[in-house]
C-alpha cells in the first residue's frame, strides 16, 4: 500500500564513507525504534551488510543493533529518516538502483511484515 512511497525521489546523496537517501516508514502509524526489526539496503543489486547501515531521525543516528533497545524514540508516519549505507568505494555519479526494505514488529499482527521499495535514483557529481 505505501511501499512505493518508502524511498524519497531525488534524495540520493554522498556522505562520508558511503551514501544515503531519505526513507519513509511503510506503516500507517508511527513505531518505536525498537519495533523496527531490520532495515535492508542494496545498491545496483549488491546488498549492504547490516552492520554498515545507519538510521538517522531528528538529529539522532543509530546502528540497527542500537535500535533494538531504543524505547524513547520513534519513526513517525510520513517522517523522512536518513538511511545511511557505509560503502568503502562510495558510489559513482549517475543513476543507481536503490532497494530498501523494512521489517517491523506490530503487536496485533501474527506475522512480521517486510515491506520493500526500489527506485532508480541519480547521484549528482
PDB file of N, CA and C in Angstrom:
ATOM      1  N   UNK A   1       0.822  -1.180   0.000  1.00  0.00           N
ATOM      2  CA  UNK A   1       0.000   0.000   0.000  1.00  0.00           C
ATOM      3  C   UNK A   1       0.873   1.253   0.000  1.00  0.00           C
ATOM      4  N   UNK A   2       1.826   1.351   0.926  1.00  0.00           N
ATOM      5  CA  UNK A   2       2.712   2.518   0.977  1.00  0.00           C
ATOM      6  C   UNK A   2       4.110   2.165   0.503  1.00  0.00           C
ATOM      7  N   UNK A   3       4.271   0.965  -0.027  1.00  0.00           N
ATOM      8  CA  UNK A   3       5.604   0.524  -0.398  1.00  0.00           C
ATOM      9  C   UNK A   3       6.237   1.393  -1.476  1.00  0.00           C
ATOM     10  N   UNK A   4       5.448   1.930  -2.394  1.00  0.00           N
ATOM     11  CA  UNK A   4       6.034   2.751  -3.458  1.00  0.00           C
ATOM     12  C   UNK A   4       6.349   4.170  -2.989  1.00  0.00           C
ATOM     13  N   UNK A   5       6.113   4.471  -1.742  1.00  0.00           N
ATOM     14  CA  UNK A   5       6.408   5.794  -1.166  1.00  0.00           C
ATOM     15  C   UNK A   5       7.568   5.743  -0.173  1.00  0.00           C
ATOM     16  N   UNK A   6       8.175   4.578   0.006  1.00  0.00           N
ATOM     17  CA  UNK A   6       9.217   4.428   1.017  1.00  0.00           C
ATOM     18  C   UNK A   6      10.478   5.225   0.678  1.00  0.00           C
ATOM     19  N   UNK A   7      10.964   5.129  -0.539  1.00  0.00           N
ATOM     20  CA  UNK A   7      12.168   5.842  -0.956  1.00  0.00           C
ATOM     21  C   UNK A   7      11.749   7.209  -1.495  1.00  0.00           C
ATOM     22  N   UNK A   8      12.352   8.257  -0.968  1.00  0.00           N
ATOM     23  CA  UNK A   8      12.027   9.618  -1.392  1.00  0.00           C
ATOM     24  C   UNK A   8      12.808   9.928  -2.671  1.00  0.00           C
ATOM     25  N   UNK A   9      12.065  10.264  -3.722  1.00  0.00           N
ATOM     26  CA  UNK A   9      12.672  10.612  -5.017  1.00  0.00           C
ATOM     27  C   UNK A   9      13.660  11.761  -4.858  1.00  0.00           C
ATOM     28  N   UNK A  10      14.771  11.683  -5.567  1.00  0.00           N
ATOM     29  CA  UNK A  10      15.739  12.767  -5.599  1.00  0.00           C
ATOM     30  C   UNK A  10      16.552  12.945  -4.327  1.00  0.00           C
ATOM     31  N   UNK A  11      16.550  11.954  -3.435  1.00  0.00           N
ATOM     32  CA  UNK A  11      17.223  12.128  -2.143  1.00  0.00           C
ATOM     33  C   UNK A  11      18.587  11.451  -2.037  1.00  0.00           C
ATOM     34  N   UNK A  12      19.044  10.780  -3.075  1.00  0.00           N
ATOM     35  CA  UNK A  12      20.338  10.084  -3.009  1.00  0.00           C
ATOM     36  C   UNK A  12      21.463  11.103  -2.887  1.00  0.00           C
ATOM     37  N   UNK A  13      22.366  10.859  -1.945  1.00  0.00           N
ATOM     38  CA  UNK A  13      23.472  11.782  -1.704  1.00  0.00           C
ATOM     39  C   UNK A  13      24.716  11.041  -1.224  1.00  0.00           C
ATOM     40  N   UNK A  14      25.859  11.663  -1.433  1.00  0.00           N
ATOM     41  CA  UNK A  14      27.112  11.141  -0.895  1.00  0.00           C
ATOM     42  C   UNK A  14      27.212  11.564   0.558  1.00  0.00           C
ATOM     43  N   UNK A  15      27.747  10.679   1.399  1.00  0.00           N
ATOM     44  CA  UNK A  15      28.077  11.013   2.778  1.00  0.00           C
ATOM     45  C   UNK A  15      29.464  10.448   3.052  1.00  0.00           C
ATOM     46  N   UNK A  16      30.092  10.900   4.110  1.00  0.00           N
ATOM     47  CA  UNK A  16      31.406  10.368   4.477  1.00  0.00           C
ATOM     48  C   UNK A  16      31.313   8.861   4.637  1.00  0.00           C
ATOM     49  N   UNK A  17      32.064   8.133   3.853  1.00  0.00           N
ATOM     50  CA  UNK A  17      32.112   6.680   3.974  1.00  0.00           C
ATOM     51  C   UNK A  17      31.020   5.938   3.237  1.00  0.00           C
ATOM     52  N   UNK A  18      30.232   6.602   2.399  1.00  0.00           N
ATOM     53  CA  UNK A  18      29.198   5.879   1.673  1.00  0.00           C
ATOM     54  C   UNK A  18      28.177   6.788   1.012  1.00  0.00           C
ATOM     55  N   UNK A  19      26.907   6.381   1.118  1.00  0.00           N
ATOM     56  CA  UNK A  19      25.811   7.134   0.509  1.00  0.00           C
ATOM     57  C   UNK A  19      24.605   7.084   1.431  1.00  0.00           C
ATOM     58  N   UNK A  20      23.638   7.930   1.136  1.00  0.00           N
ATOM     59  CA  UNK A  20      22.430   7.989   1.958  1.00  0.00           C
ATOM     60  C   UNK A  20      21.251   8.392   1.089  1.00  0.00           C
ATOM     61  N   UNK A  21      20.058   8.108   1.582  1.00  0.00           N
ATOM     62  CA  UNK A  21      18.812   8.536   0.942  1.00  0.00           C
ATOM     63  C   UNK A  21      17.763   8.690   2.033  1.00  0.00           C
ATOM     64  N   UNK A  22      16.688   9.360   1.701  1.00  0.00           N
ATOM     65  CA  UNK A  22      15.593   9.522   2.648  1.00  0.00           C
ATOM     66  C   UNK A  22      14.585   8.396   2.472  1.00  0.00           C
ATOM     67  N   UNK A  23      14.128   7.863   3.589  1.00  0.00           N
ATOM     68  CA  UNK A  23      13.145   6.785   3.556  1.00  0.00           C
ATOM     69  C   UNK A  23      11.996   7.060   4.509  1.00  0.00           C
ATOM     70  N   UNK A  24      10.823   6.554   4.137  1.00  0.00           N
ATOM     71  CA  UNK A  24       9.627   6.681   4.978  1.00  0.00           C
ATOM     72  C   UNK A  24       9.239   5.310   5.524  1.00  0.00           C
ATOM     73  N   UNK A  25       8.629   5.331   6.696  1.00  0.00           N
ATOM     74  CA  UNK A  25       8.129   4.120   7.337  1.00  0.00           C
ATOM     75  C   UNK A  25       6.942   3.570   6.551  1.00  0.00           C
ATOM     76  N   UNK A  26       6.947   2.285   6.199  1.00  0.00           N
ATOM     77  CA  UNK A  26       5.835   1.709   5.434  1.00  0.00           C
ATOM     78  C   UNK A  26       4.707   1.192   6.336  1.00  0.00           C
ATOM     79  N   UNK A  27       4.245   2.055   7.208  1.00  0.00           N
ATOM     80  CA  UNK A  27       3.203   1.657   8.146  1.00  0.00           C
ATOM     81  C   UNK A  27       2.370   2.894   8.450  1.00  0.00           C
ATOM     82  N   UNK A  28       1.069   2.734   8.597  1.00  0.00           N
ATOM     83  CA  UNK A  28       0.169   3.872   8.720  1.00  0.00           C
ATOM     84  C   UNK A  28       0.200   4.560  10.076  1.00  0.00           C
ATOM     85  N   UNK A  29       0.973   4.036  10.994  1.00  0.00           N
ATOM     86  CA  UNK A  29       1.158   4.661  12.298  1.00  0.00           C
ATOM     87  C   UNK A  29       2.657   4.732  12.558  1.00  0.00           C
ATOM     88  N   UNK A  30       3.070   5.603  13.428  1.00  0.00           N
ATOM     89  CA  UNK A  30       4.473   5.611  13.819  1.00  0.00           C
ATOM     90  C   UNK A  30       4.788   4.389  14.669  1.00  0.00           C
ATOM     91  N   UNK A  31       6.068   4.054  14.743  1.00  0.00           N
ATOM     92  CA  UNK A  31       6.510   2.932  15.567  1.00  0.00           C
ATOM     93  C   UNK A  31       7.712   3.354  16.403  1.00  0.00           C
ATOM     94  N   UNK A  32       7.810   2.779  17.593  1.00  0.00           N
ATOM     95  CA  UNK A  32       9.019   2.942  18.380  1.00  0.00           C
ATOM     96  C   UNK A  32      10.178   2.283  17.638  1.00  0.00           C
ATOM     97  N   UNK A  33      11.371   2.843  17.771  1.00  0.00           N
ATOM     98  CA  UNK A  33      12.503   2.301  17.011  1.00  0.00           C
ATOM     99  C   UNK A  33      12.809   0.852  17.369  1.00  0.00           C
ATOM    100  N   UNK A  34      12.533   0.437  18.592  1.00  0.00           N
ATOM    101  CA  UNK A  34      12.784  -0.958  18.956  1.00  0.00           C
ATOM    102  C   UNK A  34      11.871  -1.924  18.205  1.00  0.00           C
ATOM    103  N   UNK A  35      10.827  -1.401  17.569  1.00  0.00           N
ATOM    104  CA  UNK A  35       9.903  -2.256  16.815  1.00  0.00           C
ATOM    105  C   UNK A  35      10.308  -2.412  15.351  1.00  0.00           C
ATOM    106  N   UNK A  36      11.391  -1.741  14.954  1.00  0.00           N
ATOM    107  CA  UNK A  36      11.928  -1.930  13.611  1.00  0.00           C
ATOM    108  C   UNK A  36      12.873  -3.120  13.699  1.00  0.00           C
ATOM    109  N   UNK A  37      12.450  -4.245  13.178  1.00  0.00           N
ATOM    110  CA  UNK A  37      13.227  -5.483  13.272  1.00  0.00           C
ATOM    111  C   UNK A  37      14.486  -5.440  12.413  1.00  0.00           C
ATOM    112  N   UNK A  38      14.377  -4.866  11.222  1.00  0.00           N
ATOM    113  CA  UNK A  38      15.532  -4.832  10.328  1.00  0.00           C
ATOM    114  C   UNK A  38      15.294  -3.815   9.225  1.00  0.00           C
ATOM    115  N   UNK A  39      16.382  -3.302   8.695  1.00  0.00           N
ATOM    116  CA  UNK A  39      16.381  -2.444   7.522  1.00  0.00           C
ATOM    117  C   UNK A  39      17.394  -3.037   6.560  1.00  0.00           C
ATOM    118  N   UNK A  40      16.973  -3.267   5.336  1.00  0.00           N
ATOM    119  CA  UNK A  40      17.862  -3.830   4.319  1.00  0.00           C
ATOM    120  C   UNK A  40      18.004  -2.835   3.175  1.00  0.00           C
ATOM    121  N   UNK A  41      19.235  -2.693   2.690  1.00  0.00           N
ATOM    122  CA  UNK A  41      19.538  -1.783   1.592  1.00  0.00           C
ATOM    123  C   UNK A  41      20.430  -2.511   0.608  1.00  0.00           C
ATOM    124  N   UNK A  42      20.133  -2.340  -0.673  1.00  0.00           N
ATOM    125  CA  UNK A  42      21.069  -2.795  -1.701  1.00  0.00           C
ATOM    126  C   UNK A  42      21.169  -1.715  -2.761  1.00  0.00           C
ATOM    127  N   UNK A  43      22.309  -1.692  -3.411  1.00  0.00           N
ATOM    128  CA  UNK A  43      22.546  -0.727  -4.474  1.00  0.00           C
ATOM    129  C   UNK A  43      23.060  -1.491  -5.682  1.00  0.00           C
ATOM    130  N   UNK A  44      22.398  -1.291  -6.808  1.00  0.00           N
ATOM    131  CA  UNK A  44      22.767  -1.957  -8.062  1.00  0.00           C
ATOM    132  C   UNK A  44      22.892  -3.472  -7.868  1.00  0.00           C
ATOM    133  N   UNK A  45      21.990  -4.030  -7.068  1.00  0.00           N
ATOM    134  CA  UNK A  45      21.936  -5.476  -6.860  1.00  0.00           C
ATOM    135  C   UNK A  45      22.880  -6.021  -5.807  1.00  0.00           C
ATOM    136  N   UNK A  46      23.659  -5.175  -5.159  1.00  0.00           N
ATOM    137  CA  UNK A  46      24.617  -5.620  -4.137  1.00  0.00           C
ATOM    138  C   UNK A  46      24.100  -5.201  -2.763  1.00  0.00           C
ATOM    139  N   UNK A  47      23.900  -6.187  -1.895  1.00  0.00           N
ATOM    140  CA  UNK A  47      23.380  -5.912  -0.557  1.00  0.00           C
ATOM    141  C   UNK A  47      24.436  -5.239   0.313  1.00  0.00           C
ATOM    142  N   UNK A  48      24.003  -4.257   1.075  1.00  0.00           N
ATOM    143  CA  UNK A  48      24.863  -3.612   2.059  1.00  0.00           C
ATOM    144  C   UNK A  48      24.752  -4.426   3.347  1.00  0.00           C
ATOM    145  N   UNK A  49      25.874  -4.832   3.947  1.00  0.00           N
ATOM    146  CA  UNK A  49      25.796  -5.611   5.197  1.00  0.00           C
ATOM    147  C   UNK A  49      25.056  -4.837   6.293  1.00  0.00           C
ATOM    148  N   UNK A  50      24.310  -5.561   7.104  1.00  0.00           N
ATOM    149  CA  UNK A  50      23.505  -4.965   8.180  1.00  0.00           C
ATOM    150  C   UNK A  50      24.333  -4.040   9.064  1.00  0.00           C
ATOM    151  N   UNK A  51      25.545  -4.451   9.372  1.00  0.00           N
ATOM    152  CA  UNK A  51      26.391  -3.646  10.262  1.00  0.00           C
ATOM    153  C   UNK A  51      26.866  -2.333   9.613  1.00  0.00           C
ATOM    154  N   UNK A  52      26.637  -2.180   8.319  1.00  0.00           N
ATOM    155  CA  UNK A  52      27.027  -0.959   7.610  1.00  0.00           C
ATOM    156  C   UNK A  52      25.850  -0.023   7.342  1.00  0.00           C
ATOM    157  N   UNK A  53      24.718  -0.286   7.965  1.00  0.00           N
ATOM    158  CA  UNK A  53      23.540   0.558   7.785  1.00  0.00           C
ATOM    159  C   UNK A  53      23.321   1.370   9.059  1.00  0.00           C
ATOM    160  N   UNK A  54      23.018   2.648   8.855  1.00  0.00           N
ATOM    161  CA  UNK A  54      22.712   3.558   9.954  1.00  0.00           C
ATOM    162  C   UNK A  54      21.352   4.196   9.680  1.00  0.00           C
ATOM    163  N   UNK A  55      20.668   4.530  10.752  1.00  0.00           N
ATOM    164  CA  UNK A  55      19.341   5.144  10.686  1.00  0.00           C
ATOM    165  C   UNK A  55      19.407   6.457  11.446  1.00  0.00           C
ATOM    166  N   UNK A  56      18.977   7.536  10.815  1.00  0.00           N
ATOM    167  CA  UNK A  56      19.055   8.846  11.456  1.00  0.00           C
ATOM    168  C   UNK A  56      17.711   9.560  11.344  1.00  0.00           C
ATOM    169  N   UNK A  57      17.225  10.034  12.500  1.00  0.00           N
ATOM    170  CA  UNK A  57      15.963  10.762  12.525  1.00  0.00           C
ATOM    171  C   UNK A  57      16.059  11.850  13.588  1.00  0.00           C
ATOM    172  N   UNK A  58      15.590  13.056  13.234  1.00  0.00           N
ATOM    173  CA  UNK A  58      15.598  14.203  14.142  1.00  0.00           C
ATOM    174  C   UNK A  58      16.955  14.415  14.814  1.00  0.00           C
ATOM    175  N   UNK A  59      18.031  14.260  14.039  1.00  0.00           N
ATOM    176  CA  UNK A  59      19.376  14.546  14.535  1.00  0.00           C
ATOM    177  C   UNK A  59      20.043  13.443  15.325  1.00  0.00           C
ATOM    178  N   UNK A  60      19.390  12.295  15.487  1.00  0.00           N
ATOM    179  CA  UNK A  60      19.991  11.171  16.206  1.00  0.00           C
ATOM    180  C   UNK A  60      20.254  10.034  15.217  1.00  0.00           C
ATOM    181  N   UNK A  61      21.442   9.454  15.300  1.00  0.00           N
ATOM    182  CA  UNK A  61      21.824   8.370  14.390  1.00  0.00           C
ATOM    183  C   UNK A  61      22.077   7.104  15.198  1.00  0.00           C
ATOM    184  N   UNK A  62      21.563   5.985  14.668  1.00  0.00           N
ATOM    185  CA  UNK A  62      21.668   4.696  15.346  1.00  0.00           C
ATOM    186  C   UNK A  62      22.169   3.618  14.397  1.00  0.00           C
ATOM    187  N   UNK A  63      22.884   2.632  14.947  1.00  0.00           N
ATOM    188  CA  UNK A  63      23.111   1.393  14.211  1.00  0.00           C
ATOM    189  C   UNK A  63      21.830   0.576  14.347  1.00  0.00           C
ATOM    190  N   UNK A  64      21.681  -0.447  13.532  1.00  0.00           N
ATOM    191  CA  UNK A  64      20.480  -1.286  13.643  1.00  0.00           C
ATOM    192  C   UNK A  64      20.484  -2.060  14.954  1.00  0.00           C
ATOM    193  N   UNK A  65      21.664  -2.466  15.433  1.00  0.00           N
ATOM    194  CA  UNK A  65      21.737  -3.143  16.732  1.00  0.00           C
ATOM    195  C   UNK A  65      21.304  -2.207  17.859  1.00  0.00           C
ATOM    196  N   UNK A  66      21.708  -0.945  17.810  1.00  0.00           N
ATOM    197  CA  UNK A  66      21.300   0.010  18.837  1.00  0.00           C
ATOM    198  C   UNK A  66      19.787   0.214  18.831  1.00  0.00           C
ATOM    199  N   UNK A  67      19.182   0.235  17.657  1.00  0.00           N
ATOM    200  CA  UNK A  67      17.740   0.469  17.561  1.00  0.00           C
ATOM    201  C   UNK A  67      16.923  -0.577  18.304  1.00  0.00           C
ATOM    202  N   UNK A  68      17.464  -1.771  18.455  1.00  0.00           N
ATOM    203  CA  UNK A  68      16.734  -2.853  19.128  1.00  0.00           C
ATOM    204  C   UNK A  68      16.345  -2.494  20.552  1.00  0.00           C
ATOM    205  N   UNK A  69      17.104  -1.582  21.186  1.00  0.00           N
ATOM    206  CA  UNK A  69      16.817  -1.220  22.580  1.00  0.00           C
ATOM    207  C   UNK A  69      16.491   0.266  22.745  1.00  0.00           C
ATOM    208  N   UNK A  70      16.085   0.921  21.665  1.00  0.00           N
ATOM    209  CA  UNK A  70      15.689   2.334  21.761  1.00  0.00           C
ATOM    210  C   UNK A  70      14.181   2.374  22.004  1.00  0.00           C
ATOM    211  N   UNK A  71      13.806   2.687  23.238  1.00  0.00           N
ATOM    212  CA  UNK A  71      12.399   2.708  23.629  1.00  0.00           C
ATOM    213  C   UNK A  71      11.840   4.123  23.746  1.00  0.00           C
ATOM    214  N   UNK A  72      12.705   5.128  23.615  1.00  0.00           N
ATOM    215  CA  UNK A  72      12.270   6.507  23.823  1.00  0.00           C
ATOM    216  C   UNK A  72      12.358   7.355  22.548  1.00  0.00           C
ATOM    217  N   UNK A  73      12.376   6.710  21.392  1.00  0.00           N
ATOM    218  CA  UNK A  73      12.394   7.436  20.127  1.00  0.00           C
ATOM    219  C   UNK A  73      11.510   6.686  19.149  1.00  0.00           C
ATOM    220  N   UNK A  74      10.980   7.424  18.177  1.00  0.00           N
ATOM    221  CA  UNK A  74      10.023   6.853  17.231  1.00  0.00           C
ATOM    222  C   UNK A  74      10.394   7.217  15.805  1.00  0.00           C
ATOM    223  N   UNK A  75       9.794   6.478  14.876  1.00  0.00           N
ATOM    224  CA  UNK A  75       9.801   6.830  13.459  1.00  0.00           C
ATOM    225  C   UNK A  75       8.334   7.073  13.143  1.00  0.00           C
ATOM    226  N   UNK A  76       7.955   8.322  12.961  1.00  0.00           N
ATOM    227  CA  UNK A  76       6.560   8.698  12.804  1.00  0.00           C
ATOM    228  C   UNK A  76       6.073   8.508  11.369  1.00  0.00           C
ATOM    229  N   UNK A  77       4.774   8.319  11.225  1.00  0.00           N
ATOM    230  CA  UNK A  77       4.170   8.182   9.907  1.00  0.00           C
ATOM    231  C   UNK A  77       4.496   9.409   9.062  1.00  0.00           C
ATOM    232  N   UNK A  78       4.970   9.185   7.854  1.00  0.00           N
ATOM    233  CA  UNK A  78       5.285  10.266   6.934  1.00  0.00           C
ATOM    234  C   UNK A  78       6.634  10.924   7.160  1.00  0.00           C
ATOM    235  N   UNK A  79       7.255  10.649   8.285  1.00  0.00           N
ATOM    236  CA  UNK A  79       8.543  11.264   8.603  1.00  0.00           C
ATOM    237  C   UNK A  79       9.646  10.680   7.728  1.00  0.00           C
ATOM    238  N   UNK A  80      10.504  11.558   7.234  1.00  0.00           N
ATOM    239  CA  UNK A  80      11.614  11.134   6.384  1.00  0.00           C
ATOM    240  C   UNK A  80      12.847  10.915   7.250  1.00  0.00           C
ATOM    241  N   UNK A  81      13.310   9.678   7.288  1.00  0.00           N
ATOM    242  CA  UNK A  81      14.529   9.343   8.013  1.00  0.00           C
ATOM    243  C   UNK A  81      15.671   9.240   7.010  1.00  0.00           C
ATOM    244  N   UNK A  82      16.871   9.557   7.450  1.00  0.00           N
ATOM    245  CA  UNK A  82      18.041   9.405   6.601  1.00  0.00           C
ATOM    246  C   UNK A  82      18.572   7.984   6.780  1.00  0.00           C
ATOM    247  N   UNK A  83      18.595   7.235   5.695  1.00  0.00           N
ATOM    248  CA  UNK A  83      19.116   5.875   5.701  1.00  0.00           C
ATOM    249  C   UNK A  83      20.530   5.960   5.133  1.00  0.00           C
ATOM    250  N   UNK A  84      21.504   5.596   5.948  1.00  0.00           N
ATOM    251  CA  UNK A  84      22.910   5.731   5.585  1.00  0.00           C
ATOM    252  C   UNK A  84      23.495   4.344   5.350  1.00  0.00           C
ATOM    253  N   UNK A  85      24.190   4.192   4.218  1.00  0.00           N
ATOM    254  CA  UNK A  85      24.849   2.931   3.876  1.00  0.00           C
ATOM    255  C   UNK A  85      26.347   3.199   3.762  1.00  0.00           C
ATOM    256  N   UNK A  86      27.114   2.568   4.627  1.00  0.00           N
ATOM    257  CA  UNK A  86      28.564   2.717   4.575  1.00  0.00           C
ATOM    258  C   UNK A  86      29.106   1.784   3.498  1.00  0.00           C
ATOM    259  N   UNK A  87      29.872   2.347   2.599  1.00  0.00           N
ATOM    260  CA  UNK A  87      30.397   1.590   1.461  1.00  0.00           C
ATOM    261  C   UNK A  87      31.752   2.185   1.117  1.00  0.00           C
ATOM    262  N   UNK A  88      32.805   1.390   1.291  1.00  0.00           N
ATOM    263  CA  UNK A  88      34.179   1.884   1.149  1.00  0.00           C
ATOM    264  C   UNK A  88      34.416   2.686  -0.121  1.00  0.00           C
ATOM    265  N   UNK A  89      33.962   2.175  -1.235  1.00  0.00           N
ATOM    266  CA  UNK A  89      34.236   2.856  -2.502  1.00  0.00           C
ATOM    267  C   UNK A  89      33.148   3.860  -2.873  1.00  0.00           C
ATOM    268  N   UNK A  90      32.189   4.081  -1.992  1.00  0.00           N
ATOM    269  CA  UNK A  90      31.122   5.047  -2.259  1.00  0.00           C
ATOM    270  C   UNK A  90      30.326   4.694  -3.498  1.00  0.00           C
ATOM    271  N   UNK A  91      29.750   5.685  -4.126  1.00  0.00           N
ATOM    272  CA  UNK A  91      29.006   5.499  -5.370  1.00  0.00           C
ATOM    273  C   UNK A  91      29.516   6.489  -6.396  1.00  0.00           C
ATOM    274  N   UNK A  92      29.564   6.047  -7.632  1.00  0.00           N
ATOM    275  CA  UNK A  92      29.941   6.960  -8.713  1.00  0.00           C
ATOM    276  C   UNK A  92      28.738   7.829  -9.069  1.00  0.00           C
ATOM    277  N   UNK A  93      28.993   9.012  -9.607  1.00  0.00           N
ATOM    278  CA  UNK A  93      27.877   9.848 -10.050  1.00  0.00           C
ATOM    279  C   UNK A  93      27.058   9.119 -11.110  1.00  0.00           C
ATOM    280  N   UNK A  94      25.786   9.426 -11.175  1.00  0.00           N
ATOM    281  CA  UNK A  94      24.903   8.806 -12.159  1.00  0.00           C
ATOM    282  C   UNK A  94      23.764   8.070 -11.488  1.00  0.00           C
ATOM    283  N   UNK A  95      23.065   7.273 -12.278  1.00  0.00           N
ATOM    284  CA  UNK A  95      21.870   6.573 -11.799  1.00  0.00           C
ATOM    285  C   UNK A  95      22.229   5.244 -11.150  1.00  0.00           C
ATOM    286  N   UNK A  96      21.560   4.954 -10.040  1.00  0.00           N
ATOM    287  CA  UNK A  96      21.761   3.706  -9.302  1.00  0.00           C
ATOM    288  C   UNK A  96      20.412   3.159  -8.866  1.00  0.00           C
ATOM    289  N   UNK A  97      20.288   1.844  -8.900  1.00  0.00           N
ATOM    290  CA  UNK A  97      19.065   1.205  -8.411  1.00  0.00           C
ATOM    291  C   UNK A  97      19.210   0.977  -6.909  1.00  0.00           C
ATOM    292  N   UNK A  98      18.350   1.633  -6.153  1.00  0.00           N
ATOM    293  CA  UNK A  98      18.349   1.505  -4.694  1.00  0.00           C
ATOM    294  C   UNK A  98      17.166   0.638  -4.293  1.00  0.00           C
ATOM    295  N   UNK A  99      17.450  -0.383  -3.496  1.00  0.00           N
ATOM    296  CA  UNK A  99      16.400  -1.230  -2.938  1.00  0.00           C
ATOM    297  C   UNK A  99      16.421  -1.052  -1.426  1.00  0.00           C
ATOM    298  N   UNK A 100      15.238  -0.921  -0.851  1.00  0.00           N
ATOM    299  CA  UNK A 100      15.081  -0.590   0.564  1.00  0.00           C
ATOM    300  C   UNK A 100      13.947  -1.437   1.115  1.00  0.00           C
ATOM    301  N   UNK A 101      14.213  -2.145   2.195  1.00  0.00           N
ATOM    302  CA  UNK A 101      13.189  -2.984   2.819  1.00  0.00           C
ATOM    303  C   UNK A 101      13.205  -2.747   4.322  1.00  0.00           C
ATOM    304  N   UNK A 102      12.025  -2.745   4.913  1.00  0.00           N
ATOM    305  CA  UNK A 102      11.876  -2.566   6.351  1.00  0.00           C
ATOM    306  C   UNK A 102      11.021  -3.701   6.883  1.00  0.00           C
ATOM    307  N   UNK A 103      11.528  -4.357   7.925  1.00  0.00           N
ATOM    308  CA  UNK A 103      10.754  -5.390   8.622  1.00  0.00           C
ATOM    309  C   UNK A 103      10.425  -4.824   9.998  1.00  0.00           C
ATOM    310  N   UNK A 104       9.125  -4.733  10.301  1.00  0.00           N
ATOM    311  CA  UNK A 104       8.727  -4.168  11.588  1.00  0.00           C
ATOM    312  C   UNK A 104       7.832  -5.117  12.361  1.00  0.00           C
ATOM    313  N   UNK A 105       7.797  -4.903  13.659  1.00  0.00           N
ATOM    314  CA  UNK A 105       7.011  -5.749  14.564  1.00  0.00           C
ATOM    315  C   UNK A 105       5.815  -4.930  15.050  1.00  0.00           C
ATOM    316  N   UNK A 106       4.640  -5.462  14.812  1.00  0.00           N
ATOM    317  CA  UNK A 106       3.407  -4.807  15.238  1.00  0.00           C
ATOM    318  C   UNK A 106       2.679  -5.798  16.145  1.00  0.00           C
ATOM    319  N   UNK A 107       2.342  -5.356  17.347  1.00  0.00           N
ATOM    320  CA  UNK A 107       1.848  -6.268  18.381  1.00  0.00           C
ATOM    321  C   UNK A 107       0.625  -7.071  17.976  1.00  0.00           C
ATOM    322  N   UNK A 108      -0.268  -6.513  17.177  1.00  0.00           N
ATOM    323  CA  UNK A 108      -1.507  -7.218  16.866  1.00  0.00           C
ATOM    324  C   UNK A 108      -1.440  -8.052  15.587  1.00  0.00           C
ATOM    325  N   UNK A 109      -0.310  -8.059  14.914  1.00  0.00           N
ATOM    326  CA  UNK A 109      -0.180  -8.882  13.711  1.00  0.00           C
ATOM    327  C   UNK A 109       0.473 -10.222  14.069  1.00  0.00           C
ATOM    328  N   UNK A 110      -0.045 -11.319  13.556  1.00  0.00           N
ATOM    329  CA  UNK A 110       0.523 -12.633  13.864  1.00  0.00           C
ATOM    330  C   UNK A 110       1.756 -12.966  13.016  1.00  0.00           C
ATOM    331  N   UNK A 111       2.270 -12.006  12.282  1.00  0.00           N
ATOM    332  CA  UNK A 111       3.457 -12.206  11.452  1.00  0.00           C
ATOM    333  C   UNK A 111       4.274 -10.913  11.491  1.00  0.00           C
ATOM    334  N   UNK A 112       5.512 -10.989  11.024  1.00  0.00           N
ATOM    335  CA  UNK A 112       6.374  -9.803  10.983  1.00  0.00           C
ATOM    336  C   UNK A 112       6.474  -9.371   9.522  1.00  0.00           C
ATOM    337  N   UNK A 113       5.789  -8.269   9.157  1.00  0.00           N
ATOM    338  CA  UNK A 113       5.780  -7.858   7.754  1.00  0.00           C
ATOM    339  C   UNK A 113       7.102  -7.236   7.319  1.00  0.00           C
ATOM    340  N   UNK A 114       7.477  -7.526   6.077  1.00  0.00           N
ATOM    341  CA  UNK A 114       8.607  -6.864   5.434  1.00  0.00           C
ATOM    342  C   UNK A 114       8.062  -6.153   4.208  1.00  0.00           C
ATOM    343  N   UNK A 115       8.293  -4.860   4.131  1.00  0.00           N
ATOM    344  CA  UNK A 115       7.808  -4.059   3.012  1.00  0.00           C
ATOM    345  C   UNK A 115       9.011  -3.541   2.243  1.00  0.00           C
ATOM    346  N   UNK A 116       8.921  -3.572   0.902  1.00  0.00           N
ATOM    347  CA  UNK A 116      10.065  -3.231   0.057  1.00  0.00           C
ATOM    348  C   UNK A 116       9.698  -2.173  -0.969  1.00  0.00           C
ATOM    349  N   UNK A 117      10.710  -1.411  -1.350  1.00  0.00           N
ATOM    350  CA  UNK A 117      10.586  -0.427  -2.418  1.00  0.00           C
ATOM    351  C   UNK A 117      11.905  -0.421  -3.175  1.00  0.00           C
ATOM    352  N   UNK A 118      11.854  -0.119  -4.447  1.00  0.00           N
ATOM    353  CA  UNK A 118      13.092   0.082  -5.218  1.00  0.00           C
ATOM    354  C   UNK A 118      12.852   1.217  -6.207  1.00  0.00           C
ATOM    355  N   UNK A 119      13.890   2.001  -6.370  1.00  0.00           N
ATOM    356  CA  UNK A 119      13.814   3.130  -7.296  1.00  0.00           C
ATOM    357  C   UNK A 119      15.184   3.354  -7.905  1.00  0.00           C
ATOM    358  N   UNK A 120      15.171   3.894  -9.107  1.00  0.00           N
ATOM    359  CA  UNK A 120      16.404   4.353  -9.720  1.00  0.00           C
ATOM    360  C   UNK A 120      16.564   5.821  -9.344  1.00  0.00           C
ATOM    361  N   UNK A 121      17.651   6.100  -8.638  1.00  0.00           N
ATOM    362  CA  UNK A 121      17.930   7.449  -8.178  1.00  0.00           C
ATOM    363  C   UNK A 121      19.251   7.920  -8.762  1.00  0.00           C
ATOM    364  N   UNK A 122      19.337   9.203  -9.050  1.00  0.00           N
ATOM    365  CA  UNK A 122      20.559   9.767  -9.623  1.00  0.00           C
ATOM    366  C   UNK A 122      21.382  10.414  -8.527  1.00  0.00           C
ATOM    367  N   UNK A 123      22.687  10.160  -8.583  1.00  0.00           N
ATOM    368  CA  UNK A 123      23.635  10.793  -7.686  1.00  0.00           C
ATOM    369  C   UNK A 123      24.382  11.861  -8.466  1.00  0.00           C
ATOM    370  N   UNK A 124      24.287  13.084  -7.988  1.00  0.00           N
ATOM    371  CA  UNK A 124      24.946  14.207  -8.674  1.00  0.00           C
ATOM    372  C   UNK A 124      26.466  14.102  -8.537  1.00  0.00           C
ATOM    373  N   UNK A 125      27.148  14.666  -9.501  1.00  0.00           N
ATOM    374  CA  UNK A 125      28.621  14.648  -9.488  1.00  0.00           C
ATOM    375  C   UNK A 125      29.175  15.533  -8.418  1.00  0.00           C
TER     376      UNK A 125
END
